[in-house]
C-alpha cells in the first residue's frame, strides 16, 4: 500500500478517536454537572450522607 494511503487511514482513525473521546468527555461532564447542581440544591435524589456522631462514634444520616 502506498504511504499516502497509510497516512490517510491513520488520520481518519485519529479523527474518529478524537470524536469519540470528545463525546464521552461531554457526557461525563454533563453527569458531573448535574450531580453538582443537585448537591448545591440540597437534594441528592432521596439519598442522604452519613455524619459521624461524636458522642457514640456511630454514623447517622446527616444534612446534605
Protein backbone atom coordinates (compact mmCIF):
# COMPACT_ATOMS: atom_id res chain seq x y z
CA UNK A 1 0.00 0.00 0.00
CA UNK A 2 1.43 3.42 -0.86
CA UNK A 3 2.45 5.53 2.13
CA UNK A 4 -0.13 8.20 1.28
CA UNK A 5 -2.97 5.74 1.90
CA UNK A 6 -1.46 4.61 5.19
CA UNK A 7 -1.15 8.22 6.35
CA UNK A 8 -4.71 8.97 5.23
CA UNK A 9 -6.08 5.93 7.10
CA UNK A 10 -4.14 6.95 10.19
CA UNK A 11 -5.52 10.48 10.01
CA UNK A 12 -9.10 9.17 9.63
CA UNK A 13 -8.62 6.84 12.58
CA UNK A 14 -7.22 9.66 14.72
CA UNK A 15 -10.12 11.93 13.79
CA UNK A 16 -12.64 9.22 14.70
CA UNK A 17 -10.90 8.62 18.02
CA UNK A 18 -10.95 12.33 18.85
CA UNK A 19 -14.66 12.47 18.05
CA UNK A 20 -15.45 9.51 20.33
CA UNK A 21 -13.33 10.87 23.17
CA UNK A 22 -14.92 14.32 22.88
CA UNK A 23 -18.42 12.86 23.00
CA UNK A 24 -17.57 10.72 26.05
CA UNK A 25 -15.96 13.68 27.81
CA UNK A 26 -19.05 15.82 27.27
CA UNK A 27 -21.30 13.02 28.53
CA UNK A 28 -19.29 12.53 31.71
CA UNK A 29 -19.04 16.27 32.35
CA UNK A 30 -22.79 16.57 31.92
CA UNK A 31 -23.36 13.89 34.56
CA UNK A 32 -20.90 15.56 36.92
CA UNK A 33 -22.51 18.96 36.42
CA UNK A 34 -25.95 17.51 37.15
CA UNK A 35 -24.62 15.92 40.34
CA UNK A 36 -23.04 19.21 41.43
CA UNK A 37 -26.27 21.10 40.78
CA UNK A 38 -28.20 18.54 42.81
CA UNK A 39 -25.77 18.85 45.71
CA UNK A 40 -25.97 22.64 45.62
CA UNK A 41 -29.74 22.48 45.62
CA UNK A 42 -29.58 20.35 48.74
CA UNK A 43 -31.12 17.24 47.29
CA UNK A 44 -29.46 14.03 46.28
CA UNK A 45 -32.42 12.15 44.77
CA UNK A 46 -33.51 10.76 48.12
CA UNK A 47 -30.03 9.78 49.26
CA UNK A 48 -28.53 11.25 52.40
CA UNK A 49 -24.96 11.49 53.52
CA UNK A 50 -23.69 9.90 56.70
CA UNK A 51 -22.23 12.01 59.50
CA UNK A 52 -20.29 10.65 62.43
CA UNK A 53 -21.88 11.19 65.83
CA UNK A 54 -19.03 12.42 68.05
CA UNK A 55 -20.68 11.11 71.22
CA UNK A 56 -21.13 7.50 70.12
CA UNK A 57 -18.84 7.21 67.12
CA UNK A 58 -21.69 5.77 65.04
CA UNK A 59 -22.54 7.04 61.59
CA UNK A 60 -26.02 8.50 61.22
CA UNK A 61 -27.88 10.19 58.36
CA UNK A 62 -26.95 13.84 58.27
CA UNK A 63 -27.95 17.00 56.47
CA UNK A 64 -26.89 17.07 52.88
